[in-house]
């Protein structure tokens, strides 16, 4: 069960915190909802408590864990799929996993392609989204704003 004020990460949405746990009545049925505020899209998201297990929810990383994971961006990639369609699907899976390590691999690989002028427009959007998701976790862990968090990522590239 989530607690008010708890900092969490949900794949596809990024990092946020539990604002409230509330009950709402609809058609004479009372249901409890978890109200989560997401930093990336500046939005509130209400999830029924009984459906929270349908989402990939995890606690955010500690400062030490996040610093270690961010080093992935500095590393060299062993293999980057040359077929953009296969690479796109693989990167989407990594992002949807909600695993910060895998998301940093995506950032590393897409920035490599960007430097080589080989990044298709569709993957530019993926890079922006995954960068924002990792930046949202950096915001909560280090207390940075979005610009500072993005700078932290881009300084590693």
Protein backbone atom coordinates (compact mmCIF):
# COMPACT_ATOMS: atom_id res chain seq x y z
CA UNK A 1 0.00 0.00 0.00
CA UNK A 2 1.20 3.48 -0.81
CA UNK A 3 1.41 6.24 1.79
CA UNK A 4 0.78 9.98 1.49
CA UNK A 5 4.03 11.76 0.64
CA UNK A 6 5.71 8.59 -0.65
CA UNK A 7 7.99 9.21 -3.64
CA UNK A 8 7.41 6.67 -6.39
CA UNK A 9 8.18 5.91 -10.02
CA UNK A 10 5.62 4.48 -12.43
CA UNK A 11 6.80 3.35 -15.84
CA UNK A 12 5.41 5.43 -18.70
CA UNK A 13 4.72 8.34 -16.32
CA UNK A 14 7.97 8.98 -14.45
CA UNK A 15 8.54 10.00 -10.86
CA UNK A 16 6.02 11.57 -8.57
CA UNK A 17 4.61 11.41 -5.10
CA UNK A 18 1.42 10.29 -3.47
CA UNK A 19 -0.62 13.41 -2.72
CA UNK A 20 -3.66 11.82 -1.20
CA UNK A 21 -5.61 8.63 -0.68
CA UNK A 22 -9.26 9.46 -1.04
CA UNK A 23 -12.66 7.80 -1.25
CA UNK A 24 -15.13 8.68 -3.97
CA UNK A 25 -18.64 7.45 -4.45
CA UNK A 26 -19.90 6.58 -7.91
CA UNK A 27 -23.21 4.83 -8.61
CA UNK A 28 -23.62 4.14 -4.87
CA UNK A 29 -20.28 2.32 -4.78
CA UNK A 30 -17.53 3.82 -2.67
CA UNK A 31 -14.04 3.30 -4.03
CA UNK A 32 -10.66 4.36 -2.66
CA UNK A 33 -8.22 6.17 -4.98
CA UNK A 34 -4.55 7.00 -4.76
CA UNK A 35 -3.90 10.53 -6.08
CA UNK A 36 -0.39 10.75 -7.53
CA UNK A 37 1.27 13.95 -8.74
CA UNK A 38 3.75 13.38 -11.60
CA UNK A 39 6.53 15.90 -12.08
CA UNK A 40 7.21 15.21 -15.76
CA UNK A 41 3.81 16.18 -17.13
CA UNK A 42 2.77 18.27 -14.13
CA UNK A 43 -0.35 16.17 -13.72
CA UNK A 44 -2.41 14.43 -11.08
CA UNK A 45 -3.37 10.83 -11.69
CA UNK A 46 -5.97 8.96 -9.68
CA UNK A 47 -5.66 5.19 -9.55
CA UNK A 48 -8.21 2.97 -7.80
CA UNK A 49 -6.47 1.26 -4.87
CA UNK A 50 -7.66 -2.14 -6.08
CA UNK A 51 -6.02 -1.58 -9.50
CA UNK A 52 -2.64 -0.25 -8.36
CA UNK A 53 -1.04 -3.66 -8.98
CA UNK A 54 -1.78 -3.19 -12.72
CA UNK A 55 0.88 -0.45 -12.80
CA UNK A 56 4.63 -0.92 -12.49
CA UNK A 57 5.12 1.07 -9.29
CA UNK A 58 8.44 1.22 -7.48
CA UNK A 59 10.09 3.45 -4.89
CA UNK A 60 12.50 5.98 -6.31
CA UNK A 61 16.20 5.20 -6.05
CA UNK A 62 18.49 6.54 -3.34
CA UNK A 63 21.13 9.16 -4.21
CA UNK A 64 23.88 6.53 -4.25
CA UNK A 65 21.87 4.11 -6.40
CA UNK A 66 20.92 6.86 -8.84
CA UNK A 67 24.51 8.12 -9.18
CA UNK A 68 25.65 4.57 -9.98
CA UNK A 69 22.87 4.04 -12.53
CA UNK A 70 23.53 7.40 -14.21
CA UNK A 71 27.10 6.27 -14.94
CA UNK A 72 25.55 3.95 -17.53
CA UNK A 73 25.18 7.02 -19.75
CA UNK A 74 28.98 7.45 -19.66
CA UNK A 75 29.67 3.84 -20.69
CA UNK A 76 30.17 2.52 -24.20
CA UNK A 77 27.41 0.49 -25.76
CA UNK A 78 28.19 -3.10 -26.72
CA UNK A 79 25.64 -3.15 -29.51
CA UNK A 80 23.18 -0.71 -31.07
CA UNK A 81 20.58 -2.27 -33.34
CA UNK A 82 20.99 -0.87 -36.86
CA UNK A 83 17.39 -1.56 -37.91
CA UNK A 84 15.46 1.43 -36.53
CA UNK A 85 12.22 -0.55 -36.21
CA UNK A 86 13.81 -3.26 -34.03
CA UNK A 87 15.70 -0.61 -32.05
CA UNK A 88 12.48 1.35 -31.52
CA UNK A 89 10.66 -1.73 -30.15
CA UNK A 90 13.59 -2.67 -27.93
CA UNK A 91 13.86 0.86 -26.52
CA UNK A 92 10.10 1.03 -25.86
CA UNK A 93 10.36 -2.22 -23.85
CA UNK A 94 13.25 -0.84 -21.82
CA UNK A 95 11.34 2.35 -21.07
CA UNK A 96 8.15 0.50 -20.17
CA UNK A 97 10.09 -1.68 -17.71
CA UNK A 98 10.46 1.36 -15.44
CA UNK A 99 14.06 0.29 -14.74
CA UNK A 100 16.24 3.42 -14.51
CA UNK A 101 19.32 1.44 -15.59
CA UNK A 102 17.61 0.35 -18.82
CA UNK A 103 16.30 3.86 -19.44
CA UNK A 104 19.84 5.22 -19.07
CA UNK A 105 20.98 2.66 -21.67
CA UNK A 106 18.37 4.07 -24.05
CA UNK A 107 19.59 7.63 -23.38
CA UNK A 108 23.20 6.58 -23.96
CA UNK A 109 22.45 4.78 -27.23
CA UNK A 110 20.17 7.44 -28.66
CA UNK A 111 22.62 10.23 -27.84
CA UNK A 112 25.33 8.23 -29.59
CA UNK A 113 23.13 8.05 -32.71
CA UNK A 114 22.29 11.74 -32.37
CA UNK A 115 25.99 12.68 -32.32
CA UNK A 116 26.48 10.64 -35.50
CA UNK A 117 23.46 12.35 -37.15
CA UNK A 118 21.74 8.96 -37.39
CA UNK A 119 18.76 9.58 -35.08
CA UNK A 120 15.39 9.41 -36.90
CA UNK A 121 12.73 12.00 -35.93
CA UNK A 122 10.54 9.36 -34.25
CA UNK A 123 13.37 8.41 -31.92
CA UNK A 124 14.01 12.06 -31.03
CA UNK A 125 10.63 11.99 -29.27
CA UNK A 126 11.58 8.78 -27.45
CA UNK A 127 14.85 10.39 -26.34
CA UNK A 128 13.01 13.46 -25.02
CA UNK A 129 10.47 11.31 -23.16
CA UNK A 130 12.97 8.94 -21.55
CA UNK A 131 15.22 11.87 -20.65
CA UNK A 132 12.27 13.54 -18.93
CA UNK A 133 11.36 10.37 -17.04
CA UNK A 134 14.89 9.95 -15.68
CA UNK A 135 15.07 13.70 -14.98
CA UNK A 136 11.85 13.49 -12.95
CA UNK A 137 13.48 10.91 -10.69
CA UNK A 138 16.59 13.10 -10.38
CA UNK A 139 14.31 15.98 -9.35
CA UNK A 140 12.87 14.01 -6.43
CA UNK A 141 16.16 12.44 -5.35
CA UNK A 142 18.38 15.54 -5.52
CA UNK A 143 15.79 18.29 -5.13
CA UNK A 144 16.65 19.83 -8.51
CA UNK A 145 14.28 21.52 -10.93
CA UNK A 146 13.67 20.02 -14.39
CA UNK A 147 16.30 22.17 -16.11
CA UNK A 148 18.99 21.21 -13.58
CA UNK A 149 18.03 17.55 -13.85
CA UNK A 150 18.25 17.57 -17.64
CA UNK A 151 21.63 19.32 -17.39
CA UNK A 152 22.85 16.57 -15.07
CA UNK A 153 21.94 13.98 -17.72
CA UNK A 154 23.30 15.95 -20.67
CA UNK A 155 26.59 16.68 -18.92
CA UNK A 156 27.17 12.92 -18.82
CA UNK A 157 26.67 12.51 -22.56
